[in-house]
Amino acid sequence: MKYTTSMNIEIAKEERLAQIFSALGEPNRIKIIKILRDSKRELTCSEISNLLQIAPSTVSYHFKALRKAGLTKTRQEAQTKYLSLNKKTFKKYLPGFLDSL
């Protein structure tokens, strides 16, 4: 069977959605997304660690998974990493998701 360009685009979208849903399969990552959604600014690993009462190394691990899935953006300033939501990804692949949390 020969794939057309539109079929390849659909396959790519399905693979992207699988990656996103895999990242969202961890309850602490959903909590991080809710915290970022409700925040008026970027947050650091330490701030989220304090809010969730989990180790900074664990939060950093979740940050990486969320970033790889395209759900968050990370900005580094000196030794500090700041995290924010990548709202473009949510709008394109999960419209309405943030409001449903």
PDB file of N, CA and C in Angstrom:
ATOM      1  N   MET A   1       0.845  -1.183   0.000  1.00  0.00           N
ATOM      2  CA  MET A   1       0.000   0.000   0.000  1.00  0.00           C
ATOM      3  C   MET A   1       0.881   1.233   0.000  1.00  0.00           C
ATOM      4  N   LYS A   2       0.572   2.156  -0.868  1.00  0.00           N
ATOM      5  CA  LYS A   2       1.355   3.377  -0.981  1.00  0.00           C
ATOM      6  C   LYS A   2       0.696   4.468  -0.134  1.00  0.00           C
ATOM      7  N   TYR A   3       1.522   5.151   0.674  1.00  0.00           N
ATOM      8  CA  TYR A   3       1.012   6.222   1.531  1.00  0.00           C
ATOM      9  C   TYR A   3       1.068   7.555   0.811  1.00  0.00           C
ATOM     10  N   THR A   4       0.017   8.303   0.950  1.00  0.00           N
ATOM     11  CA  THR A   4       0.012   9.650   0.408  1.00  0.00           C
ATOM     12  C   THR A   4       0.516  10.604   1.476  1.00  0.00           C
ATOM     13  N   THR A   5       0.770  11.823   1.088  1.00  0.00           N
ATOM     14  CA  THR A   5       1.258  12.825   2.028  1.00  0.00           C
ATOM     15  C   THR A   5       0.275  13.036   3.172  1.00  0.00           C
ATOM     16  N   SER A   6      -1.005  13.069   2.891  1.00  0.00           N
ATOM     17  CA  SER A   6      -1.992  13.282   3.957  1.00  0.00           C
ATOM     18  C   SER A   6      -2.008  12.112   4.928  1.00  0.00           C
ATOM     19  N   MET A   7      -1.787  10.898   4.425  1.00  0.00           N
ATOM     20  CA  MET A   7      -1.728   9.740   5.320  1.00  0.00           C
ATOM     21  C   MET A   7      -0.501   9.818   6.220  1.00  0.00           C
ATOM     22  N   ASN A   8       0.644  10.263   5.661  1.00  0.00           N
ATOM     23  CA  ASN A   8       1.860  10.417   6.449  1.00  0.00           C
ATOM     24  C   ASN A   8       1.676  11.461   7.539  1.00  0.00           C
ATOM     25  N   ILE A   9       0.962  12.524   7.221  1.00  0.00           N
ATOM     26  CA  ILE A   9       0.689  13.567   8.209  1.00  0.00           C
ATOM     27  C   ILE A   9      -0.165  13.007   9.329  1.00  0.00           C
ATOM     28  N   GLU A  10      -1.167  12.199   8.998  1.00  0.00           N
ATOM     29  CA  GLU A  10      -2.024  11.595  10.019  1.00  0.00           C
ATOM     30  C   GLU A  10      -1.234  10.639  10.905  1.00  0.00           C
ATOM     31  N   ILE A  11      -0.345   9.861  10.308  1.00  0.00           N
ATOM     32  CA  ILE A  11       0.483   8.941  11.084  1.00  0.00           C
ATOM     33  C   ILE A  11       1.374   9.730  12.029  1.00  0.00           C
ATOM     34  N   ALA A  12       1.967  10.810  11.550  1.00  0.00           N
ATOM     35  CA  ALA A  12       2.816  11.650  12.391  1.00  0.00           C
ATOM     36  C   ALA A  12       2.009  12.243  13.544  1.00  0.00           C
ATOM     37  N   LYS A  13       0.780  12.648  13.262  1.00  0.00           N
ATOM     38  CA  LYS A  13      -0.070  13.211  14.312  1.00  0.00           C
ATOM     39  C   LYS A  13      -0.400  12.142  15.348  1.00  0.00           C
ATOM     40  N   GLU A  14      -0.696  10.944  14.905  1.00  0.00           N
ATOM     41  CA  GLU A  14      -1.005   9.855  15.839  1.00  0.00           C
ATOM     42  C   GLU A  14       0.196   9.517  16.709  1.00  0.00           C
ATOM     43  N   GLU A  15       1.386   9.515  16.116  1.00  0.00           N
ATOM     44  CA  GLU A  15       2.597   9.255  16.898  1.00  0.00           C
ATOM     45  C   GLU A  15       2.831  10.362  17.922  1.00  0.00           C
ATOM     46  N   ARG A  16       2.588  11.588  17.531  1.00  0.00           N
ATOM     47  CA  ARG A  16       2.740  12.732  18.440  1.00  0.00           C
ATOM     48  C   ARG A  16       1.746  12.622  19.596  1.00  0.00           C
ATOM     49  N   LEU A  17       0.510  12.284  19.289  1.00  0.00           N
ATOM     50  CA  LEU A  17      -0.502  12.119  20.337  1.00  0.00           C
ATOM     51  C   LEU A  17      -0.123  10.993  21.295  1.00  0.00           C
ATOM     52  N   ALA A  18       0.413   9.899  20.772  1.00  0.00           N
ATOM     53  CA  ALA A  18       0.839   8.792  21.636  1.00  0.00           C
ATOM     54  C   ALA A  18       1.945   9.251  22.578  1.00  0.00           C
ATOM     55  N   GLN A  19       2.867  10.053  22.074  1.00  0.00           N
ATOM     56  CA  GLN A  19       3.949  10.587  22.909  1.00  0.00           C
ATOM     57  C   GLN A  19       3.381  11.508  23.996  1.00  0.00           C
ATOM     58  N   ILE A  20       2.436  12.341  23.638  1.00  0.00           N
ATOM     59  CA  ILE A  20       1.815  13.261  24.593  1.00  0.00           C
ATOM     60  C   ILE A  20       1.056  12.485  25.667  1.00  0.00           C
ATOM     61  N   PHE A  21       0.254  11.512  25.250  1.00  0.00           N
ATOM     62  CA  PHE A  21      -0.522  10.742  26.223  1.00  0.00           C
ATOM     63  C   PHE A  21       0.378   9.917  27.124  1.00  0.00           C
ATOM     64  N   SER A  22       1.479   9.443  26.601  1.00  0.00           N
ATOM     65  CA  SER A  22       2.445   8.713  27.429  1.00  0.00           C
ATOM     66  C   SER A  22       2.988   9.627  28.527  1.00  0.00           C
ATOM     67  N   ALA A  23       3.330  10.852  28.168  1.00  0.00           N
ATOM     68  CA  ALA A  23       3.842  11.809  29.155  1.00  0.00           C
ATOM     69  C   ALA A  23       2.778  12.157  30.193  1.00  0.00           C
ATOM     70  N   LEU A  24       1.525  12.192  29.771  1.00  0.00           N
ATOM     71  CA  LEU A  24       0.434  12.552  30.689  1.00  0.00           C
ATOM     72  C   LEU A  24      -0.015  11.372  31.551  1.00  0.00           C
ATOM     73  N   GLY A  25       0.554  10.202  31.344  1.00  0.00           N
ATOM     74  CA  GLY A  25       0.156   9.020  32.082  1.00  0.00           C
ATOM     75  C   GLY A  25       0.679   8.957  33.510  1.00  0.00           C
ATOM     76  N   GLU A  26       1.379   9.973  33.956  1.00  0.00           N
ATOM     77  CA  GLU A  26       1.953  10.014  35.300  1.00  0.00           C
ATOM     78  C   GLU A  26       1.218  11.108  36.079  1.00  0.00           C
ATOM     79  N   PRO A  27       0.581  10.779  37.199  1.00  0.00           N
ATOM     80  CA  PRO A  27      -0.219  11.763  37.942  1.00  0.00           C
ATOM     81  C   PRO A  27       0.538  13.029  38.358  1.00  0.00           C
ATOM     82  N   ASN A  28       1.809  12.909  38.711  1.00  0.00           N
ATOM     83  CA  ASN A  28       2.559  14.111  39.102  1.00  0.00           C
ATOM     84  C   ASN A  28       2.748  15.073  37.937  1.00  0.00           C
ATOM     85  N   ARG A  29       2.796  14.546  36.731  1.00  0.00           N
ATOM     86  CA  ARG A  29       2.934  15.422  35.557  1.00  0.00           C
ATOM     87  C   ARG A  29       1.641  16.186  35.317  1.00  0.00           C
ATOM     88  N   ILE A  30       0.518  15.557  35.557  1.00  0.00           N
ATOM     89  CA  ILE A  30      -0.768  16.267  35.462  1.00  0.00           C
ATOM     90  C   ILE A  30      -0.792  17.378  36.515  1.00  0.00           C
ATOM     91  N   LYS A  31      -0.319  17.074  37.717  1.00  0.00           N
ATOM     92  CA  LYS A  31      -0.276  18.092  38.776  1.00  0.00           C
ATOM     93  C   LYS A  31       0.623  19.251  38.381  1.00  0.00           C
ATOM     94  N   ILE A  32       1.768  18.953  37.786  1.00  0.00           N
ATOM     95  CA  ILE A  32       2.688  20.008  37.334  1.00  0.00           C
ATOM     96  C   ILE A  32       2.001  20.873  36.285  1.00  0.00           C
ATOM     97  N   ILE A  33       1.303  20.252  35.356  1.00  0.00           N
ATOM     98  CA  ILE A  33       0.604  21.017  34.317  1.00  0.00           C
ATOM     99  C   ILE A  33      -0.457  21.922  34.941  1.00  0.00           C
ATOM    100  N   LYS A  34      -1.190  21.416  35.917  1.00  0.00           N
ATOM    101  CA  LYS A  34      -2.199  22.240  36.592  1.00  0.00           C
ATOM    102  C   LYS A  34      -1.554  23.414  37.307  1.00  0.00           C
ATOM    103  N   ILE A  35      -0.439  23.176  37.973  1.00  0.00           N
ATOM    104  CA  ILE A  35       0.264  24.255  38.668  1.00  0.00           C
ATOM    105  C   ILE A  35       0.722  25.313  37.674  1.00  0.00           C
ATOM    106  N   LEU A  36       1.299  24.871  36.560  1.00  0.00           N
ATOM    107  CA  LEU A  36       1.763  25.827  35.546  1.00  0.00           C
ATOM    108  C   LEU A  36       0.599  26.576  34.902  1.00  0.00           C
ATOM    109  N   ARG A  37      -0.497  25.875  34.687  1.00  0.00           N
ATOM    110  CA  ARG A  37      -1.678  26.515  34.110  1.00  0.00           C
ATOM    111  C   ARG A  37      -2.169  27.651  35.009  1.00  0.00           C
ATOM    112  N   ASP A  38      -2.158  27.414  36.299  1.00  0.00           N
ATOM    113  CA  ASP A  38      -2.684  28.394  37.247  1.00  0.00           C
ATOM    114  C   ASP A  38      -1.681  29.481  37.634  1.00  0.00           C
ATOM    115  N   SER A  39      -0.424  29.281  37.274  1.00  0.00           N
ATOM    116  CA  SER A  39       0.618  30.253  37.618  1.00  0.00           C
ATOM    117  C   SER A  39       0.588  31.425  36.640  1.00  0.00           C
ATOM    118  N   LYS A  40       0.924  32.560  37.134  1.00  0.00           N
ATOM    119  CA  LYS A  40       0.974  33.756  36.285  1.00  0.00           C
ATOM    120  C   LYS A  40       2.377  33.994  35.743  1.00  0.00           C
ATOM    121  N   ARG A  41       3.303  33.052  36.048  1.00  0.00           N
ATOM    122  CA  ARG A  41       4.697  33.216  35.631  1.00  0.00           C
ATOM    123  C   ARG A  41       5.354  31.847  35.476  1.00  0.00           C
ATOM    124  N   GLU A  42       6.558  31.854  34.950  1.00  0.00           N
ATOM    125  CA  GLU A  42       7.354  30.635  34.877  1.00  0.00           C
ATOM    126  C   GLU A  42       7.685  30.190  36.304  1.00  0.00           C
ATOM    127  N   LEU A  43       7.838  28.886  36.481  1.00  0.00           N
ATOM    128  CA  LEU A  43       8.191  28.371  37.798  1.00  0.00           C
ATOM    129  C   LEU A  43       9.467  27.548  37.713  1.00  0.00           C
ATOM    130  N   THR A  44      10.180  27.484  38.836  1.00  0.00           N
ATOM    131  CA  THR A  44      11.403  26.688  38.892  1.00  0.00           C
ATOM    132  C   THR A  44      11.101  25.294  39.425  1.00  0.00           C
ATOM    133  N   CYS A  45      12.061  24.429  39.245  1.00  0.00           N
ATOM    134  CA  CYS A  45      11.967  23.065  39.768  1.00  0.00           C
ATOM    135  C   CYS A  45      11.761  23.102  41.287  1.00  0.00           C
ATOM    136  N   SER A  46      12.496  23.962  41.971  1.00  0.00           N
ATOM    137  CA  SER A  46      12.377  24.059  43.435  1.00  0.00           C
ATOM    138  C   SER A  46      10.985  24.491  43.862  1.00  0.00           C
ATOM    139  N   GLU A  47      10.413  25.451  43.148  1.00  0.00           N
ATOM    140  CA  GLU A  47       9.075  25.922  43.502  1.00  0.00           C
ATOM    141  C   GLU A  47       8.044  24.802  43.345  1.00  0.00           C
ATOM    142  N   ILE A  48       8.125  24.080  42.245  1.00  0.00           N
ATOM    143  CA  ILE A  48       7.175  22.986  42.028  1.00  0.00           C
ATOM    144  C   ILE A  48       7.441  21.853  43.014  1.00  0.00           C
ATOM    145  N   SER A  49       8.698  21.596  43.298  1.00  0.00           N
ATOM    146  CA  SER A  49       9.060  20.582  44.293  1.00  0.00           C
ATOM    147  C   SER A  49       8.418  20.895  45.640  1.00  0.00           C
ATOM    148  N   ASN A  50       8.491  22.147  46.056  1.00  0.00           N
ATOM    149  CA  ASN A  50       7.881  22.560  47.326  1.00  0.00           C
ATOM    150  C   ASN A  50       6.368  22.414  47.295  1.00  0.00           C
ATOM    151  N   LEU A  51       5.754  22.797  46.204  1.00  0.00           N
ATOM    152  CA  LEU A  51       4.293  22.712  46.092  1.00  0.00           C
ATOM    153  C   LEU A  51       3.797  21.265  46.116  1.00  0.00           C
ATOM    154  N   LEU A  52       4.533  20.377  45.471  1.00  0.00           N
ATOM    155  CA  LEU A  52       4.108  18.976  45.380  1.00  0.00           C
ATOM    156  C   LEU A  52       4.662  18.101  46.502  1.00  0.00           C
ATOM    157  N   GLN A  53       5.601  18.662  47.253  1.00  0.00           N
ATOM    158  CA  GLN A  53       6.244  17.896  48.327  1.00  0.00           C
ATOM    159  C   GLN A  53       6.919  16.640  47.792  1.00  0.00           C
ATOM    160  N   ILE A  54       7.624  16.787  46.670  1.00  0.00           N
ATOM    161  CA  ILE A  54       8.433  15.695  46.125  1.00  0.00           C
ATOM    162  C   ILE A  54       9.832  16.227  45.846  1.00  0.00           C
ATOM    163  N   ALA A  55      10.788  15.328  45.740  1.00  0.00           N
ATOM    164  CA  ALA A  55      12.196  15.707  45.574  1.00  0.00           C
ATOM    165  C   ALA A  55      12.424  16.498  44.285  1.00  0.00           C
ATOM    166  N   PRO A  56      13.317  17.491  44.338  1.00  0.00           N
ATOM    167  CA  PRO A  56      13.634  18.256  43.124  1.00  0.00           C
ATOM    168  C   PRO A  56      14.115  17.365  41.976  1.00  0.00           C
ATOM    169  N   SER A  57      14.846  16.306  42.291  1.00  0.00           N
ATOM    170  CA  SER A  57      15.315  15.412  41.225  1.00  0.00           C
ATOM    171  C   SER A  57      14.140  14.718  40.527  1.00  0.00           C
ATOM    172  N   THR A  58      13.096  14.402  41.289  1.00  0.00           N
ATOM    173  CA  THR A  58      11.903  13.782  40.711  1.00  0.00           C
ATOM    174  C   THR A  58      11.172  14.785  39.819  1.00  0.00           C
ATOM    175  N   VAL A  59      11.066  16.015  40.294  1.00  0.00           N
ATOM    176  CA  VAL A  59      10.421  17.064  39.493  1.00  0.00           C
ATOM    177  C   VAL A  59      11.214  17.286  38.202  1.00  0.00           C
ATOM    178  N   SER A  60      12.525  17.308  38.310  1.00  0.00           N
ATOM    179  CA  SER A  60      13.373  17.498  37.132  1.00  0.00           C
ATOM    180  C   SER A  60      13.158  16.373  36.117  1.00  0.00           C
ATOM    181  N   TYR A  61      13.008  15.163  36.592  1.00  0.00           N
ATOM    182  CA  TYR A  61      12.719  14.013  35.730  1.00  0.00           C
ATOM    183  C   TYR A  61      11.389  14.221  34.996  1.00  0.00           C
ATOM    184  N   HIS A  62      10.379  14.687  35.708  1.00  0.00           N
ATOM    185  CA  HIS A  62       9.074  14.944  35.086  1.00  0.00           C
ATOM    186  C   HIS A  62       9.154  16.115  34.109  1.00  0.00           C
ATOM    187  N   PHE A  63       9.942  17.141  34.461  1.00  0.00           N
ATOM    188  CA  PHE A  63      10.143  18.279  33.554  1.00  0.00           C
ATOM    189  C   PHE A  63      10.644  17.778  32.201  1.00  0.00           C
ATOM    190  N   LYS A  64      11.632  16.885  32.240  1.00  0.00           N
ATOM    191  CA  LYS A  64      12.233  16.383  31.006  1.00  0.00           C
ATOM    192  C   LYS A  64      11.202  15.637  30.152  1.00  0.00           C
ATOM    193  N   ALA A  65      10.396  14.801  30.774  1.00  0.00           N
ATOM    194  CA  ALA A  65       9.377  14.042  30.033  1.00  0.00           C
ATOM    195  C   ALA A  65       8.346  14.980  29.411  1.00  0.00           C
ATOM    196  N   LEU A  66       7.924  15.986  30.150  1.00  0.00           N
ATOM    197  CA  LEU A  66       6.944  16.945  29.631  1.00  0.00           C
ATOM    198  C   LEU A  66       7.533  17.761  28.486  1.00  0.00           C
ATOM    199  N   ARG A  67       8.794  18.159  28.621  1.00  0.00           N
ATOM    200  CA  ARG A  67       9.452  18.932  27.574  1.00  0.00           C
ATOM    201  C   ARG A  67       9.622  18.095  26.312  1.00  0.00           C
ATOM    202  N   LYS A  68      10.036  16.823  26.457  1.00  0.00           N
ATOM    203  CA  LYS A  68      10.226  15.950  25.292  1.00  0.00           C
ATOM    204  C   LYS A  68       8.910  15.733  24.549  1.00  0.00           C
ATOM    205  N   ALA A  69       7.808  15.737  25.269  1.00  0.00           N
ATOM    206  CA  ALA A  69       6.492  15.580  24.644  1.00  0.00           C
ATOM    207  C   ALA A  69       5.991  16.892  24.047  1.00  0.00           C
ATOM    208  N   GLY A  70       6.730  17.973  24.262  1.00  0.00           N
ATOM    209  CA  GLY A  70       6.342  19.275  23.716  1.00  0.00           C
ATOM    210  C   GLY A  70       5.288  19.999  24.524  1.00  0.00           C
ATOM    211  N   LEU A  71       5.019  19.526  25.743  1.00  0.00           N
ATOM    212  CA  LEU A  71       3.963  20.130  26.557  1.00  0.00           C
ATOM    213  C   LEU A  71       4.441  21.330  27.360  1.00  0.00           C
ATOM    214  N   THR A  72       5.752  21.424  27.564  1.00  0.00           N
ATOM    215  CA  THR A  72       6.291  22.547  28.318  1.00  0.00           C
ATOM    216  C   THR A  72       7.500  23.121  27.588  1.00  0.00           C
ATOM    217  N   LYS A  73       7.867  24.296  28.016  1.00  0.00           N
ATOM    218  CA  LYS A  73       9.076  24.966  27.529  1.00  0.00           C
ATOM    219  C   LYS A  73       9.964  25.214  28.744  1.00  0.00           C
ATOM    220  N   THR A  74      11.261  25.092  28.550  1.00  0.00           N
ATOM    221  CA  THR A  74      12.208  25.343  29.621  1.00  0.00           C
ATOM    222  C   THR A  74      13.159  26.444  29.178  1.00  0.00           C
ATOM    223  N   ARG A  75      13.360  27.383  30.083  1.00  0.00           N
ATOM    224  CA  ARG A  75      14.316  28.466  29.844  1.00  0.00           C
ATOM    225  C   ARG A  75      15.331  28.414  30.973  1.00  0.00           C
ATOM    226  N   GLN A  76      16.601  28.421  30.599  1.00  0.00           N
ATOM    227  CA  GLN A  76      17.634  28.351  31.628  1.00  0.00           C
ATOM    228  C   GLN A  76      18.308  29.702  31.782  1.00  0.00           C
ATOM    229  N   GLU A  77      18.479  30.110  33.032  1.00  0.00           N
ATOM    230  CA  GLU A  77      19.175  31.343  33.367  1.00  0.00           C
ATOM    231  C   GLU A  77      20.173  30.990  34.462  1.00  0.00           C
ATOM    232  N   ALA A  78      21.465  31.050  34.121  1.00  0.00           N
ATOM    233  CA  ALA A  78      22.524  30.589  35.015  1.00  0.00           C
ATOM    234  C   ALA A  78      22.266  29.119  35.356  1.00  0.00           C
ATOM    235  N   GLN A  79      22.126  28.782  36.624  1.00  0.00           N
ATOM    236  CA  GLN A  79      21.900  27.397  37.028  1.00  0.00           C
ATOM    237  C   GLN A  79      20.417  27.062  37.194  1.00  0.00           C
ATOM    238  N   THR A  80      19.558  28.054  37.016  1.00  0.00           N
ATOM    239  CA  THR A  80      18.127  27.871  37.274  1.00  0.00           C
ATOM    240  C   THR A  80      17.361  27.643  35.982  1.00  0.00           C
ATOM    241  N   LYS A  81      16.501  26.604  36.006  1.00  0.00           N
ATOM    242  CA  LYS A  81      15.623  26.325  34.866  1.00  0.00           C
ATOM    243  C   LYS A  81      14.215  26.784  35.210  1.00  0.00           C
ATOM    244  N   TYR A  82      13.608  27.502  34.277  1.00  0.00           N
ATOM    245  CA  TYR A  82      12.251  27.998  34.439  1.00  0.00           C
ATOM    246  C   TYR A  82      11.342  27.246  33.477  1.00  0.00           C
ATOM    247  N   LEU A  83      10.220  26.809  33.979  1.00  0.00           N
ATOM    248  CA  LEU A  83       9.296  26.006  33.196  1.00  0.00           C
ATOM    249  C   LEU A  83       7.988  26.752  32.967  1.00  0.00           C
ATOM    250  N   SER A  84       7.461  26.599  31.758  1.00  0.00           N
ATOM    251  CA  SER A  84       6.145  27.152  31.431  1.00  0.00           C
ATOM    252  C   SER A  84       5.466  26.190  30.462  1.00  0.00           C
ATOM    253  N   LEU A  85       4.165  26.342  30.309  1.00  0.00           N
ATOM    254  CA  LEU A  85       3.412  25.490  29.378  1.00  0.00           C
ATOM    255  C   LEU A  85       3.683  25.901  27.940  1.00  0.00           C
ATOM    256  N   ASN A  86       3.701  24.935  27.056  1.00  0.00           N
ATOM    257  CA  ASN A  86       3.760  25.200  25.629  1.00  0.00           C
ATOM    258  C   ASN A  86       2.312  25.164  25.134  1.00  0.00           C
ATOM    259  N   LYS A  87       1.665  26.292  25.224  1.00  0.00           N
ATOM    260  CA  LYS A  87       0.227  26.348  24.920  1.00  0.00           C
ATOM    261  C   LYS A  87      -0.090  26.023  23.467  1.00  0.00           C
ATOM    262  N   LYS A  88       0.877  26.206  22.566  1.00  0.00           N
ATOM    263  CA  LYS A  88       0.653  25.859  21.161  1.00  0.00           C
ATOM    264  C   LYS A  88       0.381  24.354  21.013  1.00  0.00           C
ATOM    265  N   THR A  89       1.129  23.546  21.742  1.00  0.00           N
ATOM    266  CA  THR A  89       0.930  22.095  21.678  1.00  0.00           C
ATOM    267  C   THR A  89      -0.452  21.720  22.193  1.00  0.00           C
ATOM    268  N   PHE A  90      -0.836  22.312  23.326  1.00  0.00           N
ATOM    269  CA  PHE A  90      -2.157  22.005  23.883  1.00  0.00           C
ATOM    270  C   PHE A  90      -3.254  22.433  22.918  1.00  0.00           C
ATOM    271  N   LYS A  91      -3.090  23.606  22.321  1.00  0.00           N
ATOM    272  CA  LYS A  91      -4.118  24.108  21.401  1.00  0.00           C
ATOM    273  C   LYS A  91      -4.236  23.224  20.161  1.00  0.00           C
ATOM    274  N   LYS A  92      -3.100  22.748  19.641  1.00  0.00           N
ATOM    275  CA  LYS A  92      -3.108  21.949  18.419  1.00  0.00           C
ATOM    276  C   LYS A  92      -3.565  20.513  18.660  1.00  0.00           C
ATOM    277  N   TYR A  93      -3.049  19.879  19.721  1.00  0.00           N
ATOM    278  CA  TYR A  93      -3.303  18.447  19.918  1.00  0.00           C
ATOM    279  C   TYR A  93      -4.346  18.138  20.985  1.00  0.00           C
ATOM    280  N   LEU A  94      -4.527  19.033  21.945  1.00  0.00           N
ATOM    281  CA  LEU A  94      -5.449  18.772  23.050  1.00  0.00           C
ATOM    282  C   LEU A  94      -6.324  19.988  23.334  1.00  0.00           C
ATOM    283  N   PRO A  95      -7.058  20.469  22.357  1.00  0.00           N
ATOM    284  CA  PRO A  95      -7.871  21.672  22.602  1.00  0.00           C
ATOM    285  C   PRO A  95      -8.876  21.427  23.729  1.00  0.00           C
ATOM    286  N   GLY A  96      -8.939  22.366  24.642  1.00  0.00           N
ATOM    287  CA  GLY A  96      -9.865  22.261  25.771  1.00  0.00           C
ATOM    288  C   GLY A  96      -9.331  21.482  26.941  1.00  0.00           C
ATOM    289  N   PHE A  97      -8.201  20.818  26.781  1.00  0.00           N
ATOM    290  CA  PHE A  97      -7.657  19.975  27.855  1.00  0.00           C
ATOM    291  C   PHE A  97      -7.321  20.766  29.105  1.00  0.00           C
ATOM    292  N   LEU A  98      -6.636  21.883  28.943  1.00  0.00           N
ATOM    293  CA  LEU A  98      -6.242  22.676  30.119  1.00  0.00           C
ATOM    294  C   LEU A  98      -7.455  23.149  30.907  1.00  0.00           C
ATOM    295  N   ASP A  99      -8.517  23.504  30.209  1.00  0.00           N
ATOM    296  CA  ASP A  99      -9.735  23.952  30.885  1.00  0.00           C
ATOM    297  C   ASP A  99     -10.452  22.806  31.596  1.00  0.00           C
ATOM    298  N   SER A 100     -10.188  21.583  31.150  1.00  0.00           N
ATOM    299  CA  SER A 100     -10.881  20.434  31.730  1.00  0.00           C
ATOM    300  C   SER A 100     -10.227  19.927  33.020  1.00  0.00           C
ATOM    301  N   LEU A 101      -9.036  20.400  33.305  1.00  0.00           N
ATOM    302  CA  LEU A 101      -8.325  19.938  34.508  1.00  0.00           C
ATOM    303  C   LEU A 101      -8.889  20.575  35.770  1.00  0.00           C
TER     304      LEU A 101
END
